[in-house]
Amino acid sequence: MIQSAPKTISIYLESNPNPNSLKFVVNELLVPDGMNFDFPDPDSAKDAPLAQELFMYPFVERVFYMSNFITVTKKEEVEWIEIQSILRDHIQKFLESGKLILDQHNPEPEATGEETETVKKIKNILEEYIRPAVEQDGGAINFHSFENGIVKVILQGSCSGCPSSTVTLKAGIENLFTRMMPNEVKGVEALG
């Protein structure tokens, strides 16, 4: 009988603008490209075994999965130097065991209705200009709605609760939209 070689997972850490979040970057794709999963509390992680395990640590406040990284948000009173190795080793052992990080094999696709040309343009700007920068920082930004000139977005991962996310939202994202779509977009707001 031929035994397959154990899976070797490499993980490196990346800081981001949120001092309470750390990005654990893995050498393989963890979730389908373009998808993300945000677990703001243990109850939301019922279909996410790795997130459930990470929430067992009293210092873990939020877990976020996207492409090839996991962003963990810690409680403010704990220092990263005290816990980053514990989390990295836990994630590495979990992934090397071959267990799935999600029990749900086919996540429900988002329902999409008729989109106006303005909404299509907003989503395109989010996808092309904003999402890559937000992902680089260990988070995600998703379109929620557009009403009365206001683009509403959902910030996830390290962006959720980040002290600099309001500045980024207003000074960066809102400025980009009002420059690129001055007749349609008057402002940007984050929900949640």
C-alpha atoms as a PDB file:
ATOM      1  CA  MET A   1       0.000   0.000   0.000  1.00  0.00           C
ATOM      2  CA  ILE A   2       1.327   3.419  -0.990  1.00  0.00           C
ATOM      3  CA  GLN A   3       0.922   6.068   1.647  1.00  0.00           C
ATOM      4  CA  SER A   4       0.519   9.651   0.510  1.00  0.00           C
ATOM      5  CA  ALA A   5       2.944  12.222   1.849  1.00  0.00           C
ATOM      6  CA  PRO A   6       1.609  14.413   4.651  1.00  0.00           C
ATOM      7  CA  LYS A   7       0.389  17.812   3.559  1.00  0.00           C
ATOM      8  CA  THR A   8       2.897  20.607   4.192  1.00  0.00           C
ATOM      9  CA  ILE A   9       1.395  23.978   4.950  1.00  0.00           C
ATOM     10  CA  SER A  10       3.458  27.147   5.122  1.00  0.00           C
ATOM     11  CA  ILE A  11       2.041  30.170   6.903  1.00  0.00           C
ATOM     12  CA  TYR A  12       3.427  33.660   7.123  1.00  0.00           C
ATOM     13  CA  LEU A  13       1.955  36.559   9.037  1.00  0.00           C
ATOM     14  CA  GLU A  14       1.056  40.001   7.716  1.00  0.00           C
ATOM     15  CA  SER A  15       0.031  42.946   9.817  1.00  0.00           C
ATOM     16  CA  ASN A  16      -2.596  45.357   8.554  1.00  0.00           C
ATOM     17  CA  PRO A  17      -3.951  48.778   9.548  1.00  0.00           C
ATOM     18  CA  ASN A  18      -6.132  47.258  12.276  1.00  0.00           C
ATOM     19  CA  PRO A  19      -3.739  46.696  15.213  1.00  0.00           C
ATOM     20  CA  ASN A  20      -6.084  44.016  16.608  1.00  0.00           C
ATOM     21  CA  SER A  21      -6.105  41.905  13.425  1.00  0.00           C
ATOM     22  CA  LEU A  22      -3.427  39.714  11.932  1.00  0.00           C
ATOM     23  CA  LYS A  23      -3.464  38.009   8.548  1.00  0.00           C
ATOM     24  CA  PHE A  24      -2.306  34.358   8.414  1.00  0.00           C
ATOM     25  CA  VAL A  25      -1.370  33.747   4.763  1.00  0.00           C
ATOM     26  CA  VAL A  26      -1.279  30.122   3.630  1.00  0.00           C
ATOM     27  CA  ASN A  27       0.431  28.492   0.627  1.00  0.00           C
ATOM     28  CA  GLU A  28      -2.844  27.158  -0.799  1.00  0.00           C
ATOM     29  CA  LEU A  29      -6.317  28.380  -1.682  1.00  0.00           C
ATOM     30  CA  LEU A  30      -8.643  27.961   1.316  1.00  0.00           C
ATOM     31  CA  VAL A  31     -11.968  29.098  -0.157  1.00  0.00           C
ATOM     32  CA  PRO A  32     -13.111  29.555  -3.765  1.00  0.00           C
ATOM     33  CA  ASP A  33     -11.698  32.652  -5.387  1.00  0.00           C
ATOM     34  CA  GLY A  34     -13.878  35.703  -4.892  1.00  0.00           C
ATOM     35  CA  MET A  35     -15.690  34.266  -1.861  1.00  0.00           C
ATOM     36  CA  ASN A  36     -15.214  35.235   1.769  1.00  0.00           C
ATOM     37  CA  PHE A  37     -16.620  34.082   5.083  1.00  0.00           C
ATOM     38  CA  ASP A  38     -16.820  36.345   8.114  1.00  0.00           C
ATOM     39  CA  PHE A  39     -17.400  34.981  11.618  1.00  0.00           C
ATOM     40  CA  PRO A  40     -17.965  37.872  14.033  1.00  0.00           C
ATOM     41  CA  ASP A  41     -18.729  35.496  16.928  1.00  0.00           C
ATOM     42  CA  PRO A  42     -18.710  31.769  17.830  1.00  0.00           C
ATOM     43  CA  ASP A  43     -22.405  31.311  16.953  1.00  0.00           C
ATOM     44  CA  SER A  44     -21.802  32.404  13.363  1.00  0.00           C
ATOM     45  CA  ALA A  45     -19.088  29.737  12.971  1.00  0.00           C
ATOM     46  CA  LYS A  46     -21.369  26.686  13.286  1.00  0.00           C
ATOM     47  CA  ASP A  47     -20.373  25.472   9.777  1.00  0.00           C
ATOM     48  CA  ALA A  48     -16.705  26.446  10.143  1.00  0.00           C
ATOM     49  CA  PRO A  49     -14.734  23.919  12.232  1.00  0.00           C
ATOM     50  CA  LEU A  50     -11.450  25.861  12.181  1.00  0.00           C
ATOM     51  CA  ALA A  51     -13.156  29.102  13.223  1.00  0.00           C
ATOM     52  CA  GLN A  52     -14.960  27.194  15.999  1.00  0.00           C
ATOM     53  CA  GLU A  53     -11.616  25.938  17.296  1.00  0.00           C
ATOM     54  CA  LEU A  54     -10.043  29.397  17.129  1.00  0.00           C
ATOM     55  CA  PHE A  55     -12.953  30.869  19.100  1.00  0.00           C
ATOM     56  CA  MET A  56     -12.069  28.482  21.935  1.00  0.00           C
ATOM     57  CA  TYR A  57      -9.151  30.801  22.672  1.00  0.00           C
ATOM     58  CA  PRO A  58     -10.493  33.524  24.995  1.00  0.00           C
ATOM     59  CA  PHE A  59      -8.512  36.206  23.157  1.00  0.00           C
ATOM     60  CA  VAL A  60     -10.067  35.570  19.701  1.00  0.00           C
ATOM     61  CA  GLU A  61     -12.818  38.036  18.820  1.00  0.00           C
ATOM     62  CA  ARG A  62     -13.434  37.456  15.077  1.00  0.00           C
ATOM     63  CA  VAL A  63     -12.315  35.083  12.287  1.00  0.00           C
ATOM     64  CA  PHE A  64     -12.405  35.781   8.552  1.00  0.00           C
ATOM     65  CA  TYR A  65     -11.591  33.461   5.600  1.00  0.00           C
ATOM     66  CA  MET A  66     -10.737  34.627   2.099  1.00  0.00           C
ATOM     67  CA  SER A  67      -8.766  33.139  -0.802  1.00  0.00           C
ATOM     68  CA  ASN A  68      -5.466  32.029   0.773  1.00  0.00           C
ATOM     69  CA  PHE A  69      -5.642  33.751   4.139  1.00  0.00           C
ATOM     70  CA  ILE A  70      -7.341  33.751   7.510  1.00  0.00           C
ATOM     71  CA  THR A  71      -7.615  37.025   9.408  1.00  0.00           C
ATOM     72  CA  VAL A  72      -7.958  36.744  13.166  1.00  0.00           C
ATOM     73  CA  THR A  73      -9.046  39.702  15.280  1.00  0.00           C
ATOM     74  CA  LYS A  74      -7.973  39.566  18.919  1.00  0.00           C
ATOM     75  CA  LYS A  75      -9.182  41.266  22.071  1.00  0.00           C
ATOM     76  CA  GLU A  76      -7.479  44.600  22.605  1.00  0.00           C
ATOM     77  CA  GLU A  77      -5.905  43.769  25.988  1.00  0.00           C
ATOM     78  CA  VAL A  78      -3.785  40.913  24.550  1.00  0.00           C
ATOM     79  CA  GLU A  79      -0.537  41.539  22.628  1.00  0.00           C
ATOM     80  CA  TRP A  80       0.156  39.722  19.327  1.00  0.00           C
ATOM     81  CA  ILE A  81       3.604  38.682  20.509  1.00  0.00           C
ATOM     82  CA  GLU A  82       1.924  36.568  23.214  1.00  0.00           C
ATOM     83  CA  ILE A  83      -0.493  34.705  20.924  1.00  0.00           C
ATOM     84  CA  GLN A  84       0.579  34.766  17.266  1.00  0.00           C
ATOM     85  CA  SER A  85       2.627  31.541  17.473  1.00  0.00           C
ATOM     86  CA  ILE A  86      -0.220  29.721  19.233  1.00  0.00           C
ATOM     87  CA  LEU A  87      -2.655  30.709  16.476  1.00  0.00           C
ATOM     88  CA  ARG A  88      -0.228  30.020  13.615  1.00  0.00           C
ATOM     89  CA  ASP A  89       0.571  26.548  14.984  1.00  0.00           C
ATOM     90  CA  HIS A  90      -3.123  25.759  15.523  1.00  0.00           C
ATOM     91  CA  ILE A  91      -4.050  26.823  11.980  1.00  0.00           C
ATOM     92  CA  GLN A  92      -1.110  24.913  10.511  1.00  0.00           C
ATOM     93  CA  LYS A  93      -1.934  21.665  12.362  1.00  0.00           C
ATOM     94  CA  PHE A  94      -5.596  21.955  11.409  1.00  0.00           C
ATOM     95  CA  LEU A  95      -4.821  22.468   7.702  1.00  0.00           C
ATOM     96  CA  GLU A  96      -2.121  19.784   7.598  1.00  0.00           C
ATOM     97  CA  SER A  97      -4.599  17.276   9.030  1.00  0.00           C
ATOM     98  CA  GLY A  98      -6.630  17.656   5.830  1.00  0.00           C
ATOM     99  CA  LYS A  99      -9.800  18.755   7.629  1.00  0.00           C
ATOM    100  CA  LEU A 100     -12.104  21.143   5.787  1.00  0.00           C
ATOM    101  CA  ILE A 101     -12.344  24.685   7.143  1.00  0.00           C
ATOM    102  CA  LEU A 102     -16.019  24.796   6.090  1.00  0.00           C
ATOM    103  CA  ASP A 103     -18.642  22.049   6.517  1.00  0.00           C
ATOM    104  CA  GLN A 104     -20.858  23.751   3.980  1.00  0.00           C
ATOM    105  CA  HIS A 105     -19.649  22.451   0.608  1.00  0.00           C
ATOM    106  CA  ASN A 106     -21.816  24.603  -1.644  1.00  0.00           C
ATOM    107  CA  PRO A 107     -22.372  28.041  -0.136  1.00  0.00           C
ATOM    108  CA  GLU A 108     -25.589  29.717  -1.221  1.00  0.00           C
ATOM    109  CA  PRO A 109     -24.990  32.133  -4.085  1.00  0.00           C
ATOM    110  CA  GLU A 110     -26.136  35.669  -3.462  1.00  0.00           C
ATOM    111  CA  ALA A 111     -29.505  36.508  -4.942  1.00  0.00           C
ATOM    112  CA  THR A 112     -29.144  39.102  -7.629  1.00  0.00           C
ATOM    113  CA  GLY A 113     -32.008  41.049  -9.070  1.00  0.00           C
ATOM    114  CA  GLU A 114     -32.104  43.573 -11.861  1.00  0.00           C
ATOM    115  CA  GLU A 115     -29.170  45.952 -11.642  1.00  0.00           C
ATOM    116  CA  THR A 116     -29.150  49.478 -12.969  1.00  0.00           C
ATOM    117  CA  GLU A 117     -26.203  50.709 -14.995  1.00  0.00           C
ATOM    118  CA  THR A 118     -25.182  52.832 -11.985  1.00  0.00           C
ATOM    119  CA  VAL A 119     -25.087  49.793  -9.670  1.00  0.00           C
ATOM    120  CA  LYS A 120     -23.080  47.833 -12.269  1.00  0.00           C
ATOM    121  CA  LYS A 121     -20.588  50.705 -12.472  1.00  0.00           C
ATOM    122  CA  ILE A 122     -20.354  50.910  -8.643  1.00  0.00           C
ATOM    123  CA  LYS A 123     -19.705  47.169  -8.374  1.00  0.00           C
ATOM    124  CA  ASN A 124     -17.082  47.381 -11.112  1.00  0.00           C
ATOM    125  CA  ILE A 125     -15.223  50.194  -9.290  1.00  0.00           C
ATOM    126  CA  LEU A 126     -15.386  48.201  -6.034  1.00  0.00           C
ATOM    127  CA  GLU A 127     -14.058  45.096  -7.779  1.00  0.00           C
ATOM    128  CA  GLU A 128     -11.330  46.747  -9.810  1.00  0.00           C
ATOM    129  CA  TYR A 129      -9.998  49.545  -7.617  1.00  0.00           C
ATOM    130  CA  ILE A 130     -11.026  48.998  -4.011  1.00  0.00           C
ATOM    131  CA  ARG A 131     -11.289  45.270  -3.291  1.00  0.00           C
ATOM    132  CA  PRO A 132      -7.600  44.450  -4.040  1.00  0.00           C
ATOM    133  CA  ALA A 133      -6.385  47.071  -1.548  1.00  0.00           C
ATOM    134  CA  VAL A 134      -8.840  45.959   1.136  1.00  0.00           C
ATOM    135  CA  GLU A 135      -7.882  42.283   0.619  1.00  0.00           C
ATOM    136  CA  GLN A 136      -4.211  43.233   0.935  1.00  0.00           C
ATOM    137  CA  ASP A 137      -5.070  44.494   4.419  1.00  0.00           C
ATOM    138  CA  GLY A 138      -6.787  41.223   5.389  1.00  0.00           C
ATOM    139  CA  GLY A 139     -10.377  42.263   4.866  1.00  0.00           C
ATOM    140  CA  ALA A 140     -13.185  42.456   2.361  1.00  0.00           C
ATOM    141  CA  ILE A 141     -15.620  45.043   1.120  1.00  0.00           C
ATOM    142  CA  ASN A 142     -18.956  44.069  -0.369  1.00  0.00           C
ATOM    143  CA  PHE A 143     -21.628  46.105  -2.090  1.00  0.00           C
ATOM    144  CA  HIS A 144     -24.862  46.289  -0.103  1.00  0.00           C
ATOM    145  CA  SER A 145     -27.037  48.890  -1.805  1.00  0.00           C
ATOM    146  CA  PHE A 146     -27.232  52.236  -3.555  1.00  0.00           C
ATOM    147  CA  GLU A 147     -29.924  54.729  -2.604  1.00  0.00           C
ATOM    148  CA  ASN A 148     -30.276  58.503  -2.917  1.00  0.00           C
ATOM    149  CA  GLY A 149     -26.656  58.940  -4.002  1.00  0.00           C
ATOM    150  CA  ILE A 150     -25.235  56.884  -1.103  1.00  0.00           C
ATOM    151  CA  VAL A 151     -23.271  53.684  -1.722  1.00  0.00           C
ATOM    152  CA  LYS A 152     -23.660  51.309   1.216  1.00  0.00           C
ATOM    153  CA  VAL A 153     -20.961  48.694   1.743  1.00  0.00           C
ATOM    154  CA  ILE A 154     -20.213  45.942   4.243  1.00  0.00           C
ATOM    155  CA  LEU A 155     -16.683  45.805   5.684  1.00  0.00           C
ATOM    156  CA  GLN A 156     -15.450  42.415   6.885  1.00  0.00           C
ATOM    157  CA  GLY A 157     -12.333  40.809   8.306  1.00  0.00           C
ATOM    158  CA  SER A 158      -9.680  43.179   9.593  1.00  0.00           C
ATOM    159  CA  CYS A 159     -11.682  46.161   8.293  1.00  0.00           C
ATOM    160  CA  SER A 160     -14.532  45.494  10.696  1.00  0.00           C
ATOM    161  CA  GLY A 161     -13.908  47.633  13.741  1.00  0.00           C
ATOM    162  CA  CYS A 162     -10.594  48.945  12.454  1.00  0.00           C
ATOM    163  CA  PRO A 163      -9.806  52.409  13.828  1.00  0.00           C
ATOM    164  CA  SER A 164      -8.648  53.598  10.406  1.00  0.00           C
ATOM    165  CA  SER A 165     -11.569  52.126   8.428  1.00  0.00           C
ATOM    166  CA  THR A 166     -13.666  55.309   8.791  1.00  0.00           C
ATOM    167  CA  VAL A 167     -10.820  57.417   7.440  1.00  0.00           C
ATOM    168  CA  THR A 168     -10.238  54.934   4.606  1.00  0.00           C
ATOM    169  CA  LEU A 169     -13.947  54.876   3.827  1.00  0.00           C
ATOM    170  CA  LYS A 170     -14.338  58.661   3.680  1.00  0.00           C
ATOM    171  CA  ALA A 171     -10.912  59.855   2.494  1.00  0.00           C
ATOM    172  CA  GLY A 172     -10.189  56.985   0.117  1.00  0.00           C
ATOM    173  CA  ILE A 173     -13.253  55.116  -1.074  1.00  0.00           C
ATOM    174  CA  GLU A 174     -15.736  57.991  -1.016  1.00  0.00           C
ATOM    175  CA  ASN A 175     -13.282  60.309  -2.796  1.00  0.00           C
ATOM    176  CA  LEU A 176     -12.698  57.691  -5.498  1.00  0.00           C
ATOM    177  CA  PHE A 177     -16.424  57.242  -6.108  1.00  0.00           C
ATOM    178  CA  THR A 178     -17.216  60.963  -6.110  1.00  0.00           C
ATOM    179  CA  ARG A 179     -14.365  61.553  -8.596  1.00  0.00           C
ATOM    180  CA  MET A 180     -15.293  58.660 -10.885  1.00  0.00           C
ATOM    181  CA  MET A 181     -19.093  59.062 -10.627  1.00  0.00           C
ATOM    182  CA  PRO A 182     -19.643  62.722  -9.622  1.00  0.00           C
ATOM    183  CA  ASN A 183     -23.215  62.899 -10.921  1.00  0.00           C
ATOM    184  CA  GLU A 184     -24.403  59.715  -9.216  1.00  0.00           C
ATOM    185  CA  VAL A 185     -22.469  59.153  -5.974  1.00  0.00           C
ATOM    186  CA  LYS A 186     -22.645  61.683  -3.144  1.00  0.00           C
ATOM    187  CA  GLY A 187     -21.267  59.530  -0.307  1.00  0.00           C
ATOM    188  CA  VAL A 188     -20.285  56.092   0.986  1.00  0.00           C
ATOM    189  CA  GLU A 189     -21.410  54.452   4.240  1.00  0.00           C
ATOM    190  CA  ALA A 190     -20.408  51.215   5.936  1.00  0.00           C
ATOM    191  CA  LEU A 191     -23.127  49.035   7.444  1.00  0.00           C
ATOM    192  CA  GLY A 192     -22.714  46.911  10.547  1.00  0.00           C
END
